Amino acid sequence: MIVVAGDALIDMIMTLDGQFHPVAGGGQYNTARTMGRLGADVSFLGRLSDDWFGRLLRSGLEEAGVHTDDVVETTDPSTLGLAEIDAAGVAHYRFYLQGTSVPGLQVEQALRVLERPLRAIHAGTLGLSMPPAADALAALVEAAPDDTLVMVDPNCRPSTVPQFEPFQTRMRRVLGRADIVKASTEDLEYLDLAGSIDASVASILSGRANVVIVTDGADPVRVFWRGEHFDMPVEPVEVVDTIGAGDAFGGGFLARWLELGLGREDLADEALLRDAVRFGMRVSAIVCQRAGADPPRRAELEPSG
């Protein structure tokens, strides 16, 4: 079992003509659905409201084959994000958080998932921004057994961070337990772990992490591991929007890694890393060519090795 822990919310997508469309989303929600559609045995941990939006979110998880036994139900209203799409298809977000579903996850609720063996945990995004959910996810990552593969995607949203210093301190702890870190250049610049992106990567790799994957929009994906690195060009596609593209990449990478029966000890193998990165990029490219976060099913992808 894989647990994807964090945020599930409603993206109110505003198009260039001023129209609004509510779409189920959230970084971890998108990641869980990506992995579920790719055939992974995955469960979502996070709070879902009993309102109409919450029921929409739950049905989206179930449709993708994601287990919902770890969902925490709440009467708090669903968290909303306003996603404005620019002319290049890039989404710019603002969030409505106070008193809503995502931030209220408690430590004891998160730690319950460790009562059974887990093959992997994927944590990140909005849930790591605001306590108590941020503290709950940090506690989950830090308490993960040594043989549980942990992947973290900071996916920083500066507008959702109440105070930067506690956030940065918490993220240092979380990244210190991660085996795989997937972060954008914007994430690393905002986190400011060591004064520059390269220094921040080196700082992360000085801890437990074996691999840091750095994305930068349409620029090549950079993969670093223990003194080595490679770049992989992003294949150009006609972009409808970028909603969920980074989530799909991370979910695709981890799904491929686990599909091949790989673990932490395999993260030093460049050929295996290239294969999983390439797979994640293909998944992400498909999402970019669709409206909203609509990840592909395994059958839509060409056979991979």
C-alpha atoms as a PDB file:
ATOM      1  CA  MET A   1       0.000   0.000   0.000  1.00  0.00           C
ATOM      2  CA  ILE A   2       1.113   3.538  -0.838  1.00  0.00           C
ATOM      3  CA  VAL A   3      -0.275   6.513   1.097  1.00  0.00           C
ATOM      4  CA  VAL A   4      -0.484   9.931  -0.530  1.00  0.00           C
ATOM      5  CA  ALA A   5      -0.975  12.473   2.254  1.00  0.00           C
ATOM      6  CA  GLY A   6      -2.044  16.095   2.076  1.00  0.00           C
ATOM      7  CA  ASP A   7      -4.551  18.318   0.347  1.00  0.00           C
ATOM      8  CA  ALA A   8      -7.749  17.764  -1.592  1.00  0.00           C
ATOM      9  CA  LEU A   9      -9.575  20.918  -2.611  1.00  0.00           C
ATOM     10  CA  ILE A  10     -11.666  22.556  -5.294  1.00  0.00           C
ATOM     11  CA  ASP A  11      -9.925  24.612  -7.958  1.00  0.00           C
ATOM     12  CA  MET A  12     -12.203  27.382  -9.176  1.00  0.00           C
ATOM     13  CA  ILE A  13     -10.658  27.778 -12.620  1.00  0.00           C
ATOM     14  CA  MET A  14     -11.101  31.206 -14.188  1.00  0.00           C
ATOM     15  CA  THR A  15     -10.524  31.203 -17.943  1.00  0.00           C
ATOM     16  CA  LEU A  16      -9.465  34.170 -20.072  1.00  0.00           C
ATOM     17  CA  ASP A  17     -13.104  34.940 -20.878  1.00  0.00           C
ATOM     18  CA  GLY A  18     -13.916  35.299 -17.156  1.00  0.00           C
ATOM     19  CA  GLN A  19     -15.816  32.034 -16.761  1.00  0.00           C
ATOM     20  CA  PHE A  20     -15.459  29.930 -13.586  1.00  0.00           C
ATOM     21  CA  HIS A  21     -15.358  26.140 -13.537  1.00  0.00           C
ATOM     22  CA  PRO A  22     -15.108  24.135 -10.277  1.00  0.00           C
ATOM     23  CA  VAL A  23     -12.663  21.244 -10.654  1.00  0.00           C
ATOM     24  CA  ALA A  24     -11.559  18.681  -8.063  1.00  0.00           C
ATOM     25  CA  GLY A  25      -7.880  19.222  -7.314  1.00  0.00           C
ATOM     26  CA  GLY A  26      -5.082  19.831  -4.840  1.00  0.00           C
ATOM     27  CA  GLY A  27      -1.501  18.664  -5.313  1.00  0.00           C
ATOM     28  CA  GLN A  28      -1.757  15.480  -3.280  1.00  0.00           C
ATOM     29  CA  TYR A  29      -5.238  14.701  -4.580  1.00  0.00           C
ATOM     30  CA  ASN A  30      -3.905  14.959  -8.138  1.00  0.00           C
ATOM     31  CA  THR A  31      -0.910  12.802  -7.235  1.00  0.00           C
ATOM     32  CA  ALA A  32      -3.105  10.107  -5.690  1.00  0.00           C
ATOM     33  CA  ARG A  33      -5.423  10.056  -8.710  1.00  0.00           C
ATOM     34  CA  THR A  34      -2.446   9.865 -11.073  1.00  0.00           C
ATOM     35  CA  MET A  35      -1.059   6.859  -9.225  1.00  0.00           C
ATOM     36  CA  GLY A  36      -4.475   5.208  -8.971  1.00  0.00           C
ATOM     37  CA  ARG A  37      -5.134   5.565 -12.683  1.00  0.00           C
ATOM     38  CA  LEU A  38      -1.707   4.118 -13.403  1.00  0.00           C
ATOM     39  CA  GLY A  39      -2.628   1.007 -11.439  1.00  0.00           C
ATOM     40  CA  ALA A  40      -0.851   1.648  -8.138  1.00  0.00           C
ATOM     41  CA  ASP A  41      -2.327   0.339  -4.873  1.00  0.00           C
ATOM     42  CA  VAL A  42      -2.732   3.785  -3.316  1.00  0.00           C
ATOM     43  CA  SER A  43      -4.729   5.358  -0.490  1.00  0.00           C
ATOM     44  CA  PHE A  44      -5.412   9.048   0.144  1.00  0.00           C
ATOM     45  CA  LEU A  45      -4.912  10.577   3.587  1.00  0.00           C
ATOM     46  CA  GLY A  46      -6.529  13.959   4.107  1.00  0.00           C
ATOM     47  CA  ARG A  47      -9.729  15.655   5.211  1.00  0.00           C
ATOM     48  CA  LEU A  48     -12.825  15.763   3.000  1.00  0.00           C
ATOM     49  CA  SER A  49     -15.882  17.827   3.783  1.00  0.00           C
ATOM     50  CA  ASP A  50     -19.395  16.398   3.857  1.00  0.00           C
ATOM     51  CA  ASP A  51     -20.489  19.218   1.518  1.00  0.00           C
ATOM     52  CA  TRP A  52     -21.176  18.826  -2.205  1.00  0.00           C
ATOM     53  CA  PHE A  53     -17.574  19.646  -3.114  1.00  0.00           C
ATOM     54  CA  GLY A  54     -16.310  17.048  -0.647  1.00  0.00           C
ATOM     55  CA  ARG A  55     -18.513  14.410  -2.217  1.00  0.00           C
ATOM     56  CA  LEU A  56     -17.171  15.412  -5.630  1.00  0.00           C
ATOM     57  CA  LEU A  57     -13.607  14.976  -4.359  1.00  0.00           C
ATOM     58  CA  ARG A  58     -14.369  11.561  -2.895  1.00  0.00           C
ATOM     59  CA  SER A  59     -16.008  10.346  -6.084  1.00  0.00           C
ATOM     60  CA  GLY A  60     -12.937  11.485  -8.051  1.00  0.00           C
ATOM     61  CA  LEU A  61     -10.686   9.396  -5.845  1.00  0.00           C
ATOM     62  CA  GLU A  62     -12.913   6.360  -6.131  1.00  0.00           C
ATOM     63  CA  GLU A  63     -13.189   6.722  -9.913  1.00  0.00           C
ATOM     64  CA  ALA A  64      -9.387   6.652 -10.149  1.00  0.00           C
ATOM     65  CA  GLY A  65      -9.158   3.502  -8.032  1.00  0.00           C
ATOM     66  CA  VAL A  66      -7.778   5.293  -4.961  1.00  0.00           C
ATOM     67  CA  HIS A  67      -8.687   3.795  -1.565  1.00  0.00           C
ATOM     68  CA  THR A  68     -10.553   6.191   0.742  1.00  0.00           C
ATOM     69  CA  ASP A  69     -10.303   4.292   4.035  1.00  0.00           C
ATOM     70  CA  ASP A  70      -7.762   6.843   5.301  1.00  0.00           C
ATOM     71  CA  VAL A  71      -9.937   9.850   4.448  1.00  0.00           C
ATOM     72  CA  VAL A  72     -10.897  11.919   7.514  1.00  0.00           C
ATOM     73  CA  GLU A  73     -14.441  13.236   7.267  1.00  0.00           C
ATOM     74  CA  THR A  74     -15.310  16.744   8.465  1.00  0.00           C
ATOM     75  CA  THR A  75     -18.212  19.186   8.497  1.00  0.00           C
ATOM     76  CA  ASP A  76     -15.802  22.050   7.726  1.00  0.00           C
ATOM     77  CA  PRO A  77     -16.418  23.462   4.243  1.00  0.00           C
ATOM     78  CA  SER A  78     -14.170  22.350   1.410  1.00  0.00           C
ATOM     79  CA  THR A  79     -10.992  24.321   0.802  1.00  0.00           C
ATOM     80  CA  LEU A  80     -11.069  26.434  -2.351  1.00  0.00           C
ATOM     81  CA  GLY A  81      -8.331  27.597  -4.691  1.00  0.00           C
ATOM     82  CA  LEU A  82      -8.814  30.234  -7.377  1.00  0.00           C
ATOM     83  CA  ALA A  83      -6.778  29.265 -10.435  1.00  0.00           C
ATOM     84  CA  GLU A  84      -6.373  31.995 -13.029  1.00  0.00           C
ATOM     85  CA  ILE A  85      -5.156  30.683 -16.390  1.00  0.00           C
ATOM     86  CA  ASP A  86      -2.939  33.029 -18.398  1.00  0.00           C
ATOM     87  CA  ALA A  87      -2.479  33.128 -22.177  1.00  0.00           C
ATOM     88  CA  ALA A  88       0.285  30.494 -22.003  1.00  0.00           C
ATOM     89  CA  GLY A  89      -1.970  28.072 -20.123  1.00  0.00           C
ATOM     90  CA  VAL A  90      -0.103  28.572 -16.831  1.00  0.00           C
ATOM     91  CA  ALA A  91      -2.221  28.551 -13.674  1.00  0.00           C
ATOM     92  CA  HIS A  92      -1.757  31.183 -10.947  1.00  0.00           C
ATOM     93  CA  TYR A  93      -3.343  30.330  -7.582  1.00  0.00           C
ATOM     94  CA  ARG A  94      -4.977  32.025  -4.612  1.00  0.00           C
ATOM     95  CA  PHE A  95      -6.412  29.976  -1.757  1.00  0.00           C
ATOM     96  CA  TYR A  96      -9.285  30.288   0.709  1.00  0.00           C
ATOM     97  CA  LEU A  97      -8.179  28.303   3.743  1.00  0.00           C
ATOM     98  CA  GLN A  98      -9.374  29.607   7.101  1.00  0.00           C
ATOM     99  CA  GLY A  99     -11.822  27.203   8.751  1.00  0.00           C
ATOM    100  CA  THR A 100     -11.872  24.855   5.762  1.00  0.00           C
ATOM    101  CA  SER A 101     -11.175  21.159   5.345  1.00  0.00           C
ATOM    102  CA  VAL A 102      -7.474  20.858   4.384  1.00  0.00           C
ATOM    103  CA  PRO A 103      -5.668  22.585   7.289  1.00  0.00           C
ATOM    104  CA  GLY A 104      -7.460  20.713  10.093  1.00  0.00           C
ATOM    105  CA  LEU A 105      -5.790  17.294   9.878  1.00  0.00           C
ATOM    106  CA  GLN A 106      -4.534  16.230  13.329  1.00  0.00           C
ATOM    107  CA  VAL A 107      -1.321  14.382  14.193  1.00  0.00           C
ATOM    108  CA  GLU A 108      -3.099  11.332  15.627  1.00  0.00           C
ATOM    109  CA  GLN A 109      -5.256  11.051  12.500  1.00  0.00           C
ATOM    110  CA  ALA A 110      -2.184  11.034  10.268  1.00  0.00           C
ATOM    111  CA  LEU A 111      -0.220   8.543  12.354  1.00  0.00           C
ATOM    112  CA  ARG A 112      -3.008   5.943  12.184  1.00  0.00           C
ATOM    113  CA  VAL A 113      -1.864   4.934   8.699  1.00  0.00           C
ATOM    114  CA  LEU A 114       1.367   3.595  10.232  1.00  0.00           C
ATOM    115  CA  GLU A 115      -0.596   0.891  12.041  1.00  0.00           C
ATOM    116  CA  ARG A 116      -0.169  -1.222   8.886  1.00  0.00           C
ATOM    117  CA  PRO A 117       2.880  -1.819   6.698  1.00  0.00           C
ATOM    118  CA  LEU A 118       3.374   0.814   4.008  1.00  0.00           C
ATOM    119  CA  ARG A 119       5.544   0.479   0.955  1.00  0.00           C
ATOM    120  CA  ALA A 120       5.727   4.208   0.343  1.00  0.00           C
ATOM    121  CA  ILE A 121       4.483   7.616   1.530  1.00  0.00           C
ATOM    122  CA  HIS A 122       4.137  10.647  -0.731  1.00  0.00           C
ATOM    123  CA  ALA A 123       3.670  13.918   1.186  1.00  0.00           C
ATOM    124  CA  GLY A 124       3.631  17.563   0.259  1.00  0.00           C
ATOM    125  CA  THR A 125       1.964  20.577  -1.201  1.00  0.00           C
ATOM    126  CA  LEU A 126      -0.596  22.754   0.564  1.00  0.00           C
ATOM    127  CA  GLY A 127      -0.923  20.425   3.540  1.00  0.00           C
ATOM    128  CA  LEU A 128       2.644  21.277   4.575  1.00  0.00           C
ATOM    129  CA  SER A 129       1.885  25.002   4.722  1.00  0.00           C
ATOM    130  CA  MET A 130      -0.637  25.422   7.524  1.00  0.00           C
ATOM    131  CA  PRO A 131      -0.841  23.839  10.985  1.00  0.00           C
ATOM    132  CA  PRO A 132      -2.213  21.624  12.334  1.00  0.00           C
ATOM    133  CA  ALA A 133      -2.151  19.672   9.036  1.00  0.00           C
ATOM    134  CA  ALA A 134       1.452  20.726   8.423  1.00  0.00           C
ATOM    135  CA  ASP A 135       2.540  19.326  11.780  1.00  0.00           C
ATOM    136  CA  ALA A 136       0.513  16.151  11.169  1.00  0.00           C
ATOM    137  CA  LEU A 137       2.216  15.484   7.833  1.00  0.00           C
ATOM    138  CA  ALA A 138       5.638  16.261   9.277  1.00  0.00           C
ATOM    139  CA  ALA A 139       4.984  13.815  12.128  1.00  0.00           C
ATOM    140  CA  LEU A 140       3.895  11.137   9.653  1.00  0.00           C
ATOM    141  CA  VAL A 141       7.021  11.521   7.522  1.00  0.00           C
ATOM    142  CA  GLU A 142       9.337  11.551  10.526  1.00  0.00           C
ATOM    143  CA  ALA A 143       7.686   8.480  12.057  1.00  0.00           C
ATOM    144  CA  ALA A 144       7.787   6.444   8.834  1.00  0.00           C
ATOM    145  CA  PRO A 145       9.662   3.149   9.281  1.00  0.00           C
ATOM    146  CA  ASP A 146      13.127   3.020   7.758  1.00  0.00           C
ATOM    147  CA  ASP A 147      12.015   0.560   5.076  1.00  0.00           C
ATOM    148  CA  THR A 148       9.151   2.816   3.909  1.00  0.00           C
ATOM    149  CA  LEU A 149      10.130   4.842   0.838  1.00  0.00           C
ATOM    150  CA  VAL A 150       9.271   8.529   1.376  1.00  0.00           C
ATOM    151  CA  MET A 151       8.855  11.008  -1.477  1.00  0.00           C
ATOM    152  CA  VAL A 152       8.264  14.703  -0.747  1.00  0.00           C
ATOM    153  CA  ASP A 153       7.057  17.419  -3.118  1.00  0.00           C
ATOM    154  CA  PRO A 154       7.152  20.817  -1.334  1.00  0.00           C
ATOM    155  CA  ASN A 155       5.097  22.490  -4.109  1.00  0.00           C
ATOM    156  CA  CYS A 156       5.334  25.730  -2.129  1.00  0.00           C
ATOM    157  CA  ARG A 157       2.469  28.219  -2.188  1.00  0.00           C
ATOM    158  CA  PRO A 158       3.909  31.330  -0.493  1.00  0.00           C
ATOM    159  CA  SER A 159       0.488  32.962  -0.102  1.00  0.00           C
ATOM    160  CA  THR A 160      -0.616  30.079   2.160  1.00  0.00           C
ATOM    161  CA  VAL A 161       2.333  30.251   4.568  1.00  0.00           C
ATOM    162  CA  PRO A 162       1.371  32.135   7.772  1.00  0.00           C
ATOM    163  CA  GLN A 163       4.971  32.514   8.971  1.00  0.00           C
ATOM    164  CA  PHE A 164       8.000  31.660   6.869  1.00  0.00           C
ATOM    165  CA  GLU A 165      10.522  30.675   9.556  1.00  0.00           C
ATOM    166  CA  PRO A 166       8.375  27.919  11.165  1.00  0.00           C
ATOM    167  CA  PHE A 167       7.496  26.707   7.667  1.00  0.00           C
ATOM    168  CA  GLN A 168      11.161  26.581   6.621  1.00  0.00           C
ATOM    169  CA  THR A 169      12.120  24.773   9.845  1.00  0.00           C
ATOM    170  CA  ARG A 170       9.346  22.209   9.349  1.00  0.00           C
ATOM    171  CA  MET A 171      10.347  21.665   5.732  1.00  0.00           C
ATOM    172  CA  ARG A 172      13.960  21.065   6.744  1.00  0.00           C
ATOM    173  CA  ARG A 173      12.728  18.287   9.046  1.00  0.00           C
ATOM    174  CA  VAL A 174      10.487  16.766   6.395  1.00  0.00           C
ATOM    175  CA  LEU A 175      13.149  16.903   3.687  1.00  0.00           C
ATOM    176  CA  GLY A 176      15.598  15.406   6.160  1.00  0.00           C
ATOM    177  CA  ARG A 177      13.566  12.166   6.198  1.00  0.00           C
ATOM    178  CA  ALA A 178      12.760  12.038   2.497  1.00  0.00           C
ATOM    179  CA  ASP A 179      14.339   9.455   0.213  1.00  0.00           C
ATOM    180  CA  ILE A 180      13.217  11.269  -2.955  1.00  0.00           C
ATOM    181  CA  VAL A 181      12.574  15.013  -3.242  1.00  0.00           C
ATOM    182  CA  LYS A 182      10.833  16.438  -6.274  1.00  0.00           C
ATOM    183  CA  ALA A 183      10.884  20.247  -6.308  1.00  0.00           C
ATOM    184  CA  SER A 184      10.582  23.054  -8.819  1.00  0.00           C
ATOM    185  CA  THR A 185      13.162  25.799  -9.111  1.00  0.00           C
ATOM    186  CA  GLU A 186      10.575  28.141  -7.588  1.00  0.00           C
ATOM    187  CA  ASP A 187      10.189  25.809  -4.600  1.00  0.00           C
ATOM    188  CA  LEU A 188      13.921  25.750  -3.933  1.00  0.00           C
ATOM    189  CA  GLU A 189      14.268  29.509  -4.345  1.00  0.00           C
ATOM    190  CA  TYR A 190      11.429  30.103  -1.881  1.00  0.00           C
ATOM    191  CA  LEU A 191      12.655  27.554   0.662  1.00  0.00           C
ATOM    192  CA  ASP A 192      16.119  29.173   0.544  1.00  0.00           C
ATOM    193  CA  LEU A 193      17.788  26.241   2.276  1.00  0.00           C
ATOM    194  CA  ALA A 194      21.360  27.208   1.401  1.00  0.00           C
ATOM    195  CA  GLY A 195      21.489  30.424  -0.627  1.00  0.00           C
ATOM    196  CA  SER A 196      21.201  28.969  -4.151  1.00  0.00           C
ATOM    197  CA  ILE A 197      19.403  26.151  -5.940  1.00  0.00           C
ATOM    198  CA  ASP A 198      22.545  24.045  -6.377  1.00  0.00           C
ATOM    199  CA  ALA A 199      23.538  24.590  -2.755  1.00  0.00           C
ATOM    200  CA  SER A 200      20.016  23.698  -1.617  1.00  0.00           C
ATOM    201  CA  VAL A 201      20.159  20.467  -3.612  1.00  0.00           C
ATOM    202  CA  ALA A 202      23.502  19.646  -2.028  1.00  0.00           C
ATOM    203  CA  SER A 203      22.063  20.411   1.401  1.00  0.00           C
ATOM    204  CA  ILE A 204      19.151  18.019   0.858  1.00  0.00           C
ATOM    205  CA  LEU A 205      21.478  15.286  -0.413  1.00  0.00           C
ATOM    206  CA  SER A 206      23.691  15.685   2.646  1.00  0.00           C
ATOM    207  CA  GLY A 207      20.875  14.122   4.674  1.00  0.00           C
ATOM    208  CA  ARG A 208      18.971  10.901   4.034  1.00  0.00           C
ATOM    209  CA  ALA A 209      17.710  11.791   0.557  1.00  0.00           C
ATOM    210  CA  ASN A 210      19.211   9.785  -2.295  1.00  0.00           C
ATOM    211  CA  VAL A 211      17.661  11.715  -5.177  1.00  0.00           C
ATOM    212  CA  VAL A 212      16.547  15.295  -5.840  1.00  0.00           C
ATOM    213  CA  ILE A 213      14.539  15.930  -9.003  1.00  0.00           C
ATOM    214  CA  VAL A 214      14.314  19.597 -10.040  1.00  0.00           C
ATOM    215  CA  THR A 215      11.680  20.700 -12.542  1.00  0.00           C
ATOM    216  CA  ASP A 216      11.620  24.067 -14.305  1.00  0.00           C
ATOM    217  CA  GLY A 217       8.578  24.311 -16.552  1.00  0.00           C
ATOM    218  CA  ALA A 218       9.521  23.576 -20.153  1.00  0.00           C
ATOM    219  CA  ASP A 219      13.245  23.542 -19.344  1.00  0.00           C
ATOM    220  CA  PRO A 220      15.044  20.219 -18.827  1.00  0.00           C
ATOM    221  CA  VAL A 221      14.392  18.195 -15.694  1.00  0.00           C
ATOM    222  CA  ARG A 222      17.564  17.973 -13.583  1.00  0.00           C
ATOM    223  CA  VAL A 223      18.197  14.853 -11.513  1.00  0.00           C
ATOM    224  CA  PHE A 224      20.819  14.812  -8.759  1.00  0.00           C
ATOM    225  CA  TRP A 225      22.040  11.884  -6.699  1.00  0.00           C
ATOM    226  CA  ARG A 226      25.125  11.513  -4.503  1.00  0.00           C
ATOM    227  CA  GLY A 227      27.581  13.568  -6.504  1.00  0.00           C
ATOM    228  CA  GLU A 228      26.102  12.744  -9.923  1.00  0.00           C
ATOM    229  CA  HIS A 229      23.462  14.394 -12.086  1.00  0.00           C
ATOM    230  CA  PHE A 230      21.836  14.335 -15.506  1.00  0.00           C
ATOM    231  CA  ASP A 231      19.444  16.573 -17.427  1.00  0.00           C
ATOM    232  CA  MET A 232      16.487  15.293 -19.415  1.00  0.00           C
ATOM    233  CA  PRO A 233      14.862  17.599 -22.014  1.00  0.00           C
ATOM    234  CA  VAL A 234      11.115  18.137 -21.820  1.00  0.00           C
ATOM    235  CA  GLU A 235       9.351  17.193 -25.044  1.00  0.00           C
ATOM    236  CA  PRO A 236       7.382  20.201 -26.340  1.00  0.00           C
ATOM    237  CA  VAL A 237       3.611  19.746 -26.465  1.00  0.00           C
ATOM    238  CA  GLU A 238       0.630  21.962 -27.199  1.00  0.00           C
ATOM    239  CA  VAL A 239      -0.375  23.129 -23.728  1.00  0.00           C
ATOM    240  CA  VAL A 240      -4.025  23.535 -22.783  1.00  0.00           C
ATOM    241  CA  ASP A 241      -3.101  24.333 -19.174  1.00  0.00           C
ATOM    242  CA  THR A 242      -0.503  23.238 -16.630  1.00  0.00           C
ATOM    243  CA  ILE A 243      -2.891  22.366 -13.796  1.00  0.00           C
ATOM    244  CA  GLY A 244      -1.698  19.175 -12.118  1.00  0.00           C
ATOM    245  CA  ALA A 245       1.287  18.738 -14.445  1.00  0.00           C
ATOM    246  CA  GLY A 246       3.884  18.676 -11.671  1.00  0.00           C
ATOM    247  CA  ASP A 247       1.696  16.413  -9.547  1.00  0.00           C
ATOM    248  CA  ALA A 248       1.305  14.026 -12.483  1.00  0.00           C
ATOM    249  CA  PHE A 249       5.064  13.966 -13.007  1.00  0.00           C
ATOM    250  CA  GLY A 250       5.749  13.060  -9.380  1.00  0.00           C
ATOM    251  CA  GLY A 251       2.948  10.529  -9.241  1.00  0.00           C
ATOM    252  CA  GLY A 252       4.090   8.996 -12.503  1.00  0.00           C
ATOM    253  CA  PHE A 253       7.692   8.748 -11.320  1.00  0.00           C
ATOM    254  CA  LEU A 254       6.752   7.022  -8.060  1.00  0.00           C
ATOM    255  CA  ALA A 255       4.181   4.748  -9.707  1.00  0.00           C
ATOM    256  CA  ARG A 256       6.775   3.578 -12.235  1.00  0.00           C
ATOM    257  CA  TRP A 257       9.405   3.063  -9.523  1.00  0.00           C
ATOM    258  CA  LEU A 258       7.107   0.885  -7.456  1.00  0.00           C
ATOM    259  CA  GLU A 259       5.621  -0.869 -10.503  1.00  0.00           C
ATOM    260  CA  LEU A 260       9.119  -2.209 -11.220  1.00  0.00           C
ATOM    261  CA  GLY A 261       9.480  -3.417  -7.638  1.00  0.00           C
ATOM    262  CA  LEU A 262      12.217  -0.889  -6.855  1.00  0.00           C
ATOM    263  CA  GLY A 263      13.121   0.562  -3.464  1.00  0.00           C
ATOM    264  CA  ARG A 264      15.493   2.968  -1.753  1.00  0.00           C
ATOM    265  CA  GLU A 265      18.540   0.828  -2.493  1.00  0.00           C
ATOM    266  CA  ASP A 266      17.915   1.205  -6.252  1.00  0.00           C
ATOM    267  CA  LEU A 267      18.036   5.016  -6.239  1.00  0.00           C
ATOM    268  CA  ALA A 268      21.731   5.008  -7.171  1.00  0.00           C
ATOM    269  CA  ASP A 269      21.025   3.375 -10.550  1.00  0.00           C
ATOM    270  CA  GLU A 270      21.096   6.004 -13.300  1.00  0.00           C
ATOM    271  CA  ALA A 271      19.357   3.825 -15.900  1.00  0.00           C
ATOM    272  CA  LEU A 272      16.445   3.161 -13.546  1.00  0.00           C
ATOM    273  CA  LEU A 273      16.198   6.848 -12.627  1.00  0.00           C
ATOM    274  CA  ARG A 274      16.148   7.854 -16.295  1.00  0.00           C
ATOM    275  CA  ASP A 275      13.377   5.357 -16.983  1.00  0.00           C
ATOM    276  CA  ALA A 276      11.192   6.605 -14.125  1.00  0.00           C
ATOM    277  CA  VAL A 277      11.805  10.273 -14.962  1.00  0.00           C
ATOM    278  CA  ARG A 278      10.963   9.630 -18.611  1.00  0.00           C
ATOM    279  CA  PHE A 279       7.763   7.885 -17.576  1.00  0.00           C
ATOM    280  CA  GLY A 280       6.783  10.767 -15.275  1.00  0.00           C
ATOM    281  CA  MET A 281       7.417  13.246 -18.082  1.00  0.00           C
ATOM    282  CA  ARG A 282       5.138  11.316 -20.436  1.00  0.00           C
ATOM    283  CA  VAL A 283       2.360  11.313 -17.849  1.00  0.00           C
ATOM    284  CA  SER A 284       2.835  15.042 -17.237  1.00  0.00           C
ATOM    285  CA  ALA A 285       2.819  15.830 -20.969  1.00  0.00           C
ATOM    286  CA  ILE A 286      -0.570  14.175 -21.364  1.00  0.00           C
ATOM    287  CA  VAL A 287      -1.984  16.212 -18.473  1.00  0.00           C
ATOM    288  CA  CYS A 288      -0.696  19.441 -20.061  1.00  0.00           C
ATOM    289  CA  GLN A 289      -2.647  18.629 -23.223  1.00  0.00           C
ATOM    290  CA  ARG A 290      -5.926  18.315 -21.288  1.00  0.00           C
ATOM    291  CA  ALA A 291      -8.023  20.814 -19.396  1.00  0.00           C
ATOM    292  CA  GLY A 292      -7.487  20.550 -15.646  1.00  0.00           C
ATOM    293  CA  ALA A 293      -5.739  17.737 -13.801  1.00  0.00           C
ATOM    294  CA  ASP A 294      -6.887  14.747 -15.864  1.00  0.00           C
ATOM    295  CA  PRO A 295      -4.172  12.077 -15.562  1.00  0.00           C
ATOM    296  CA  PRO A 296      -4.002   9.192 -18.047  1.00  0.00           C
ATOM    297  CA  ARG A 297      -4.726   5.568 -17.332  1.00  0.00           C
ATOM    298  CA  ARG A 298      -1.955   3.006 -17.684  1.00  0.00           C
ATOM    299  CA  ALA A 299      -3.436   1.696 -20.939  1.00  0.00           C
ATOM    300  CA  GLU A 300      -3.057   5.146 -22.558  1.00  0.00           C
ATOM    301  CA  LEU A 301       0.716   4.998 -22.263  1.00  0.00           C
ATOM    302  CA  GLU A 302       2.977   3.090 -24.596  1.00  0.00           C
ATOM    303  CA  PRO A 303       4.678   0.053 -23.086  1.00  0.00           C
ATOM    304  CA  SER A 304       7.778   1.110 -21.136  1.00  0.00           C
ATOM    305  CA  GLY A 305      10.542  -1.424 -21.293  1.00  0.00           C
END
